[in-house]
Amino acid sequence: MPINSGDTAWILVSAALVMLMTPGLALFYGGMVRRKNVLSTMMMSFAMLGLVGLLWVLYGYSLSFAPDMSGIIGGFDFMGLRNVGQEPSSVYATTVPHLAFMIYQAMFAIITVALFTGAVVDRIKFGALLAFSALWLTFIYTPVAHWVWGGGWLAKLGVLDFAGGVVVHINAGMSALALALLLGPRKGFVEKEPMEAHDIPMVMLGAGLLWFGWFGFNAGSAFTAGGLASSAFVATNTAGAAAAFTWMLLSWIYRRPTALGTVTGAVIGLAAVTPAAGFISPIMGIPIGIGAALVGYYAMLFRSKSRVDDSLDVMAAHGMGGIWGVLATGIFASVAVNAAGADGLIFGNGAQLLKQMAGVVAVGGFSFIGTLILGKLVDATIGLRVTRTEENLGLDISQHGERAYGGLGR
């Protein structure tokens, strides 16, 4: 097919929007930690722009999207961007240059790796994080992306994931949980030492950038500048709004309508609608958003009473939000919205919900077990965790030799 200039412009703008989400995530995570770890936390996200941005063009894109090898992984046809040029792909996004599709997918890989860093802030060695992230991209992200989006076995099974509920959110959430278990809790966590967010306005700014970028994340996944992109755009905003408002009400019922809770709810709602955005009518964003807020809120309450120190609740937010969203896709999807999808449970196709469950179990299990294996490998070689002295000092100074703010505070 010939290149469509409107589609090309939209996918390039969407790629830029998704790229902006990673600095947004840096602010979102950075504001939640203590003063002595803010630069370290933000650096974790920014480093992925460099690390994953390079590995993706060298081999990550090929392993994810090159012609299929037994439904498990892509081949080597696109290594080093070989055969990826200015002409459209014959398989993916056929009205835009292949390079445009490739760089759009790069931004998804970057932010997925950055997402799980929220579980390990305050205590992981920076070098160990880089080594683990390179391994994780290679052995966890690329197979899962191929299974779902590259023509692999989950795609052939019929699992629907419009923009990353399985590939991004469940993948990152389950890996975050595994890493939190491997590293153990932060010093003072079990003793209930205060570890409040040091800069909530920074968190809110980051959440705003994430919400803004999510339109590229979800509506961009239509790969055309038309009706489907518009439908996904509205569904995305509706779910984010419903989740933010629901979380605000929940926190108000129990105590006060907190700013931190409201923006967290928005992010969870946006995560939940991600797999469904292009398969549902926009109004269905309301039940998806409400459900996401309820699931995320009570998952965080449950986690807070456990000994699992997922520092910034990546599993509760992205893992549980993603699981709900993938299942909700199997409930609310409609071929009237997207003929390339399937009807869900409420339209008489209960089998689709079963397929979605299969995707949740397969990817969740693979990500969790694979992360444990890779994490133990890194721990056995270079060690995952900083020393107690380095943890007390703060990772900004101990890992980077920098301080975010003047003075001594925590």
Protein backbone atom coordinates (compact mmCIF):
# COMPACT_ATOMS: atom_id res chain seq x y z
CA MET A 1 0.00 0.00 0.00
CA PRO A 2 1.17 3.58 -0.59
CA ILE A 3 2.27 5.71 2.33
CA ASN A 4 -0.50 7.83 3.83
CA SER A 5 0.87 11.16 5.03
CA GLY A 6 -1.86 11.62 7.66
CA ASP A 7 -1.25 8.19 9.16
CA THR A 8 2.50 8.78 9.10
CA ALA A 9 2.19 12.12 10.86
CA TRP A 10 -0.06 10.58 13.51
CA ILE A 11 2.24 7.64 14.23
CA LEU A 12 5.31 9.89 14.49
CA VAL A 13 3.49 12.26 16.85
CA SER A 14 2.25 9.26 18.84
CA ALA A 15 5.81 7.92 19.10
CA ALA A 16 6.88 11.29 20.50
CA LEU A 17 3.97 11.24 22.97
CA VAL A 18 4.92 7.78 24.21
CA MET A 19 8.55 8.87 24.51
CA LEU A 20 7.41 11.75 26.74
CA MET A 21 5.77 9.23 29.05
CA THR A 22 9.17 7.98 30.23
CA PRO A 23 10.30 11.39 31.57
CA GLY A 24 6.75 11.67 32.94
CA LEU A 25 7.22 8.36 34.71
CA ALA A 26 10.55 9.64 36.08
CA LEU A 27 8.72 12.57 37.68
CA PHE A 28 5.84 10.38 38.85
CA TYR A 29 8.17 7.89 40.54
CA GLY A 30 10.73 10.51 41.59
CA GLY A 31 8.22 12.51 43.59
CA MET A 32 7.11 9.45 45.53
CA VAL A 33 10.48 8.58 47.05
CA ARG A 34 12.50 10.25 49.81
CA ARG A 35 14.75 13.21 49.02
CA LYS A 36 17.92 11.15 49.17
CA ASN A 37 16.77 8.85 46.35
CA VAL A 38 14.97 11.13 43.91
CA LEU A 39 17.78 11.44 41.33
CA SER A 40 18.49 7.73 41.47
CA THR A 41 14.83 6.96 40.89
CA MET A 42 14.52 9.36 37.98
CA MET A 43 17.79 8.12 36.49
CA MET A 44 16.37 4.61 36.32
CA SER A 45 13.76 5.81 33.81
CA PHE A 46 16.06 8.09 31.83
CA ALA A 47 18.71 5.37 31.56
CA MET A 48 16.21 3.17 29.74
CA LEU A 49 15.85 5.76 27.01
CA GLY A 50 19.52 5.12 26.29
CA LEU A 51 19.88 1.41 27.01
CA VAL A 52 16.65 0.11 25.50
CA GLY A 53 16.72 2.69 22.72
CA LEU A 54 20.01 1.17 21.52
CA LEU A 55 19.21 -2.50 22.07
CA TRP A 56 15.89 -2.12 20.29
CA VAL A 57 17.40 -1.02 16.98
CA LEU A 58 20.24 -3.54 17.26
CA TYR A 59 18.13 -6.65 17.86
CA GLY A 60 15.05 -6.05 20.04
CA TYR A 61 12.78 -5.05 17.18
CA SER A 62 13.85 -8.05 15.14
CA LEU A 63 13.22 -10.55 17.93
CA SER A 64 9.80 -8.99 18.54
CA PHE A 65 8.51 -8.38 15.02
CA ALA A 66 10.60 -10.23 12.43
CA PRO A 67 8.95 -13.22 10.70
CA ASP A 68 7.78 -15.81 13.15
CA MET A 69 9.88 -18.71 14.46
CA SER A 70 7.51 -21.40 15.76
CA GLY A 71 5.22 -18.82 17.37
CA ILE A 72 7.79 -18.12 20.09
CA ILE A 73 10.19 -15.43 18.87
CA GLY A 74 10.95 -13.32 15.82
CA GLY A 75 13.85 -14.13 13.53
CA PHE A 76 16.90 -12.13 12.49
CA ASP A 77 15.57 -10.40 9.37
CA PHE A 78 15.48 -6.96 11.03
CA MET A 79 18.75 -7.11 13.01
CA GLY A 80 20.43 -3.71 13.02
CA LEU A 81 17.37 -2.38 11.15
CA ARG A 82 18.20 -4.46 8.10
CA ASN A 83 15.13 -4.48 5.79
CA VAL A 84 13.54 -1.72 7.89
CA GLY A 85 13.38 1.39 5.73
CA GLN A 86 11.24 4.20 4.42
CA GLU A 87 8.78 1.95 2.63
CA PRO A 88 5.84 0.44 4.53
CA SER A 89 6.05 -2.97 6.11
CA SER A 90 4.08 -5.64 4.29
CA VAL A 91 2.66 -6.85 7.63
CA TYR A 92 2.56 -4.05 10.22
CA ALA A 93 1.01 -0.59 9.84
CA THR A 94 1.01 -0.82 6.05
CA THR A 95 0.30 2.87 5.37
CA VAL A 96 3.32 4.29 7.23
CA PRO A 97 7.08 3.83 6.76
CA HIS A 98 8.44 0.71 8.41
CA LEU A 99 10.86 2.92 10.35
CA ALA A 100 7.92 4.83 11.83
CA PHE A 101 6.32 1.64 13.10
CA MET A 102 9.66 0.44 14.48
CA ILE A 103 10.38 3.61 16.47
CA TYR A 104 6.82 3.69 17.79
CA GLN A 105 7.28 0.19 19.16
CA ALA A 106 10.66 1.20 20.61
CA MET A 107 8.94 3.67 22.90
CA PHE A 108 6.74 0.89 24.28
CA ALA A 109 9.76 -1.26 25.05
CA ILE A 110 11.50 1.65 26.79
CA ILE A 111 8.67 2.54 29.14
CA THR A 112 7.87 -1.10 29.93
CA VAL A 113 11.38 -1.63 31.28
CA ALA A 114 11.18 1.69 33.14
CA LEU A 115 7.87 0.70 34.76
CA PHE A 116 9.19 -2.14 36.91
CA THR A 117 11.94 0.06 38.39
CA GLY A 118 9.33 1.51 40.75
CA ALA A 119 9.41 -1.74 42.71
CA VAL A 120 13.14 -1.59 43.45
CA VAL A 121 13.88 2.06 44.20
CA ASP A 122 15.90 2.96 47.29
CA ARG A 123 17.95 -0.26 47.31
CA ILE A 124 19.13 -1.63 43.94
CA LYS A 125 22.61 -1.14 42.49
CA PHE A 126 22.49 0.98 39.36
CA GLY A 127 24.87 -1.31 37.48
CA ALA A 128 22.84 -4.35 38.46
CA LEU A 129 19.67 -2.66 37.23
CA LEU A 130 21.25 -1.98 33.84
CA ALA A 131 22.48 -5.56 33.49
CA PHE A 132 19.13 -6.99 34.56
CA SER A 133 17.21 -4.64 32.24
CA ALA A 134 19.25 -5.71 29.21
CA LEU A 135 18.58 -9.35 30.03
CA TRP A 136 14.90 -8.68 30.72
CA LEU A 137 14.38 -6.89 27.42
CA THR A 138 16.05 -9.78 25.58
CA PHE A 139 14.51 -12.78 27.30
CA ILE A 140 11.18 -11.49 28.66
CA TYR A 141 9.95 -8.49 26.71
CA THR A 142 10.80 -9.53 23.15
CA PRO A 143 9.16 -12.99 23.36
CA VAL A 144 6.01 -11.58 24.95
CA ALA A 145 5.79 -8.78 22.36
CA HIS A 146 6.15 -11.39 19.64
CA TRP A 147 3.56 -13.69 21.16
CA VAL A 148 0.93 -10.96 21.21
CA TRP A 149 1.82 -8.41 18.51
CA GLY A 150 4.33 -10.18 16.26
CA GLY A 151 2.14 -13.04 15.08
CA GLY A 152 3.11 -15.46 17.85
CA TRP A 153 1.08 -18.10 19.59
CA LEU A 154 -1.10 -15.83 21.72
CA ALA A 155 -2.02 -13.79 18.64
CA LYS A 156 -2.96 -17.02 16.87
CA LEU A 157 -5.01 -18.06 19.90
CA GLY A 158 -6.98 -14.83 19.54
CA VAL A 159 -5.86 -12.92 22.66
CA LEU A 160 -6.70 -9.23 22.25
CA ASP A 161 -4.29 -6.56 23.46
CA PHE A 162 -4.74 -3.29 21.63
CA ALA A 163 -1.92 -1.27 23.18
CA GLY A 164 -0.16 -3.23 25.91
CA GLY A 165 -2.23 -4.59 28.78
CA VAL A 166 -0.46 -7.93 28.42
CA VAL A 167 2.81 -6.87 26.79
CA VAL A 168 3.40 -3.81 28.99
CA HIS A 169 1.40 -3.77 32.20
CA ILE A 170 1.06 -7.42 33.24
CA ASN A 171 4.60 -8.07 32.03
CA ALA A 172 6.06 -5.20 34.06
CA GLY A 173 3.80 -5.75 37.08
CA MET A 174 4.61 -9.42 37.56
CA SER A 175 8.31 -8.73 37.06
CA ALA A 176 8.13 -5.95 39.64
CA LEU A 177 6.63 -8.35 42.17
CA ALA A 178 9.37 -10.91 41.52
CA LEU A 179 12.11 -8.28 41.90
CA ALA A 180 10.61 -6.97 45.13
CA LEU A 181 10.65 -10.48 46.56
CA LEU A 182 14.24 -11.04 45.43
CA LEU A 183 15.57 -7.80 46.89
CA GLY A 184 13.65 -7.90 50.12
CA PRO A 185 12.22 -4.85 51.90
CA ARG A 186 13.92 -1.50 52.31
CA LYS A 187 15.62 -0.76 55.59
CA GLY A 188 12.92 0.44 57.97
CA PHE A 189 10.01 -0.93 55.94
CA VAL A 190 9.13 -3.76 58.33
CA GLU A 191 9.51 -1.37 61.28
CA LYS A 192 7.03 1.00 59.59
CA GLU A 193 9.45 3.92 59.37
CA PRO A 194 7.91 6.88 57.52
CA MET A 195 8.66 6.78 53.78
CA GLU A 196 6.24 9.39 52.48
CA ALA A 197 6.43 10.96 49.03
CA HIS A 198 8.81 13.92 49.26
CA ASP A 199 7.22 16.00 46.45
CA ILE A 200 3.56 15.38 45.59
CA PRO A 201 3.40 18.27 43.07
CA MET A 202 6.17 16.46 41.15
CA VAL A 203 4.06 13.29 41.22
CA MET A 204 1.07 15.20 39.86
CA LEU A 205 3.14 16.74 37.07
CA GLY A 206 4.41 13.30 36.14
CA ALA A 207 0.87 11.89 36.16
CA GLY A 208 -0.27 14.71 33.90
CA LEU A 209 2.49 13.94 31.40
CA LEU A 210 1.60 10.25 31.54
CA TRP A 211 -2.08 10.99 30.86
CA PHE A 212 -1.08 13.28 27.96
CA GLY A 213 1.27 10.68 26.51
CA TRP A 214 -1.27 7.89 26.91
CA PHE A 215 -3.23 9.26 23.97
CA GLY A 216 -0.26 8.35 21.78
CA PHE A 217 0.05 5.04 23.61
CA ASN A 218 -3.54 3.96 22.97
CA ALA A 219 -4.93 6.02 20.09
CA GLY A 220 -1.62 5.72 18.25
CA SER A 221 -2.02 1.94 18.30
CA ALA A 222 -4.75 2.30 15.71
CA PHE A 223 -1.89 3.07 13.27
CA THR A 224 -4.27 5.24 11.26
CA ALA A 225 -5.45 8.80 11.73
CA GLY A 226 -9.14 7.98 11.57
CA GLY A 227 -12.21 6.77 13.38
CA LEU A 228 -10.58 3.98 15.34
CA ALA A 229 -7.92 6.32 16.73
CA SER A 230 -10.67 8.73 17.75
CA SER A 231 -12.62 5.97 19.49
CA ALA A 232 -9.53 4.75 21.36
CA PHE A 233 -8.66 8.34 22.32
CA VAL A 234 -12.08 8.95 23.90
CA ALA A 235 -12.15 5.53 25.61
CA THR A 236 -8.73 6.28 27.10
CA ASN A 237 -9.73 9.64 28.54
CA THR A 238 -13.04 8.29 29.82
CA ALA A 239 -11.41 5.42 31.72
CA GLY A 240 -8.76 7.70 33.20
CA ALA A 241 -11.42 10.15 34.34
CA ALA A 242 -13.64 7.44 35.82
CA ALA A 243 -10.76 5.87 37.73
CA ALA A 244 -9.43 9.19 39.05
CA PHE A 245 -12.86 10.25 40.29
CA THR A 246 -13.62 6.82 41.80
CA TRP A 247 -10.30 6.75 43.67
CA MET A 248 -10.91 10.27 44.95
CA LEU A 249 -14.28 9.17 46.36
CA LEU A 250 -12.79 6.03 47.90
CA SER A 251 -10.06 7.95 49.69
CA TRP A 252 -12.66 10.50 50.82
CA ILE A 253 -14.83 7.77 52.30
CA TYR A 254 -11.95 6.39 54.34
CA ARG A 255 -10.23 9.66 55.23
CA ARG A 256 -9.56 12.57 52.83
CA PRO A 257 -9.64 13.05 49.03
CA THR A 258 -5.88 12.96 48.54
CA ALA A 259 -4.02 14.36 45.54
CA LEU A 260 -1.60 11.42 45.50
CA GLY A 261 -4.45 8.93 45.49
CA THR A 262 -6.40 10.71 42.77
CA VAL A 263 -3.52 10.83 40.30
CA THR A 264 -2.63 7.23 41.14
CA GLY A 265 -6.19 6.24 40.31
CA ALA A 266 -5.96 8.03 36.98
CA VAL A 267 -2.79 6.13 36.04
CA ILE A 268 -4.36 2.79 36.99
CA GLY A 269 -7.46 3.56 34.93
CA LEU A 270 -5.32 4.46 31.94
CA ALA A 271 -3.35 1.24 32.34
CA ALA A 272 -6.54 -0.80 32.55
CA VAL A 273 -8.08 0.61 29.37
CA THR A 274 -4.87 0.09 27.39
CA PRO A 275 -5.64 -3.45 26.14
CA ALA A 276 -9.27 -2.56 25.44
CA ALA A 277 -9.09 0.96 23.99
CA GLY A 278 -9.44 0.02 20.34
CA PHE A 279 -11.91 -2.82 20.84
CA ILE A 280 -14.60 -1.16 23.00
CA SER A 281 -17.08 1.63 22.56
CA PRO A 282 -15.83 4.72 24.38
CA ILE A 283 -18.60 4.64 26.99
CA MET A 284 -17.28 1.30 28.22
CA GLY A 285 -14.30 3.21 29.55
CA ILE A 286 -16.50 4.09 32.53
CA PRO A 287 -16.91 0.57 33.98
CA ILE A 288 -13.31 -0.25 33.10
CA GLY A 289 -12.08 2.86 34.94
CA ILE A 290 -14.29 2.28 37.98
CA GLY A 291 -13.23 -1.35 38.17
CA ALA A 292 -9.56 -0.37 37.87
CA ALA A 293 -9.83 2.06 40.78
CA LEU A 294 -11.50 -0.54 42.98
CA VAL A 295 -9.01 -3.27 42.07
CA GLY A 296 -5.98 -1.00 42.49
CA TYR A 297 -7.14 0.61 45.72
CA TYR A 298 -7.76 -2.62 47.55
CA ALA A 299 -4.68 -4.30 46.07
CA MET A 300 -2.57 -1.50 47.55
CA LEU A 301 -4.30 -1.84 50.91
CA PHE A 302 -3.60 -5.57 50.88
CA ARG A 303 0.04 -5.06 49.90
CA SER A 304 0.54 -2.44 52.61
CA LYS A 305 -0.39 -5.02 55.25
CA SER A 306 2.04 -7.60 53.90
CA ARG A 307 5.82 -7.85 54.13
CA VAL A 308 6.25 -7.42 50.37
CA ASP A 309 7.99 -4.11 49.67
CA ASP A 310 6.96 -3.25 46.12
CA SER A 311 8.13 0.28 46.82
CA LEU A 312 5.84 2.25 44.51
CA ASP A 313 3.12 -0.42 44.10
CA VAL A 314 3.93 -1.34 40.53
CA MET A 315 2.16 -4.68 40.81
CA ALA A 316 -0.96 -3.21 42.41
CA ALA A 317 -1.15 -0.40 39.87
CA HIS A 318 0.11 -1.80 36.58
CA GLY A 319 -0.06 -5.53 37.24
CA MET A 320 -3.54 -5.62 38.72
CA GLY A 321 -4.75 -2.78 36.49
CA GLY A 322 -3.46 -4.67 33.46
CA ILE A 323 -5.04 -7.94 34.55
CA TRP A 324 -8.42 -6.27 35.04
CA GLY A 325 -8.09 -4.47 31.70
CA VAL A 326 -7.22 -7.62 29.77
CA LEU A 327 -10.16 -9.46 31.30
CA ALA A 328 -12.43 -6.45 30.72
CA THR A 329 -11.46 -6.57 27.05
CA GLY A 330 -12.90 -10.09 26.98
CA ILE A 331 -16.10 -8.72 28.49
CA PHE A 332 -16.68 -5.44 26.63
CA ALA A 333 -15.02 -5.88 23.21
CA SER A 334 -17.20 -5.48 20.14
CA VAL A 335 -16.59 -6.14 16.46
CA ALA A 336 -18.89 -3.21 15.74
CA VAL A 337 -16.06 -1.00 17.01
CA ASN A 338 -13.17 -2.92 15.47
CA ALA A 339 -13.76 -5.69 12.96
CA ALA A 340 -10.22 -6.94 13.56
CA GLY A 341 -11.12 -7.75 17.15
CA ALA A 342 -13.86 -9.98 18.55
CA ASP A 343 -17.08 -9.73 20.51
CA GLY A 344 -16.74 -10.09 24.25
CA LEU A 345 -18.87 -11.74 26.90
CA ILE A 346 -21.67 -9.16 26.95
CA PHE A 347 -22.08 -9.58 23.20
CA GLY A 348 -22.47 -13.34 23.46
CA ASN A 349 -18.88 -14.54 23.09
CA GLY A 350 -17.78 -15.97 26.42
CA ALA A 351 -14.93 -17.80 24.71
CA GLN A 352 -13.10 -14.49 24.31
CA LEU A 353 -12.95 -14.02 28.05
CA LEU A 354 -11.38 -17.47 28.37
CA LYS A 355 -8.77 -16.51 25.77
CA GLN A 356 -7.98 -13.37 27.70
CA MET A 357 -7.58 -15.41 30.87
CA ALA A 358 -5.14 -17.66 29.05
CA GLY A 359 -3.08 -14.62 28.06
CA VAL A 360 -3.03 -13.36 31.66
CA VAL A 361 -1.88 -16.69 33.06
CA ALA A 362 0.70 -17.38 30.36
CA VAL A 363 2.38 -14.00 30.41
CA GLY A 364 2.02 -13.48 34.15
CA GLY A 365 3.66 -16.82 34.91
CA PHE A 366 6.38 -16.39 32.29
CA SER A 367 7.26 -12.89 33.47
CA PHE A 368 7.33 -13.82 37.16
CA ILE A 369 9.40 -16.99 36.80
CA GLY A 370 11.67 -15.52 34.13
CA THR A 371 12.38 -12.48 36.28
CA LEU A 372 13.25 -14.64 39.28
CA ILE A 373 15.74 -16.59 37.16
CA LEU A 374 17.35 -13.51 35.60
CA GLY A 375 17.39 -11.68 38.93
CA LYS A 376 19.12 -14.56 40.68
CA LEU A 377 21.67 -14.70 37.87
CA VAL A 378 22.52 -11.02 38.28
CA ASP A 379 22.55 -11.32 42.05
CA ALA A 380 24.94 -14.26 41.90
CA THR A 381 27.37 -12.41 39.65
CA ILE A 382 27.46 -8.70 40.49
CA GLY A 383 24.91 -8.50 43.31
CA LEU A 384 21.54 -6.75 43.17
CA ARG A 385 21.41 -4.76 46.36
CA VAL A 386 23.47 -1.87 47.67
CA THR A 387 25.17 -2.14 51.04
CA ARG A 388 23.40 -1.04 54.20
CA THR A 389 25.71 1.98 54.42
CA GLU A 390 24.89 2.99 50.83
CA GLU A 391 21.19 2.57 51.50
CA ASN A 392 21.40 4.76 54.60
CA LEU A 393 23.32 7.41 52.70
CA GLY A 394 20.89 7.38 49.82
CA LEU A 395 21.31 6.18 46.26
CA ASP A 396 21.69 9.68 44.84
CA ILE A 397 25.05 10.05 46.55
CA SER A 398 26.14 6.41 46.75
CA GLN A 399 25.29 5.48 43.14
CA HIS A 400 25.59 8.78 41.27
CA GLY A 401 27.57 11.18 43.44
CA GLU A 402 24.86 13.84 43.12
CA ARG A 403 22.25 15.46 45.32
CA ALA A 404 18.86 16.64 44.13
CA TYR A 405 18.51 19.39 46.71
CA GLY A 406 20.80 21.32 49.03
CA GLY A 407 20.83 20.51 52.73
CA LEU A 408 20.66 17.22 54.48
CA GLY A 409 17.00 16.14 54.79
CA ARG A 410 15.61 12.72 54.02
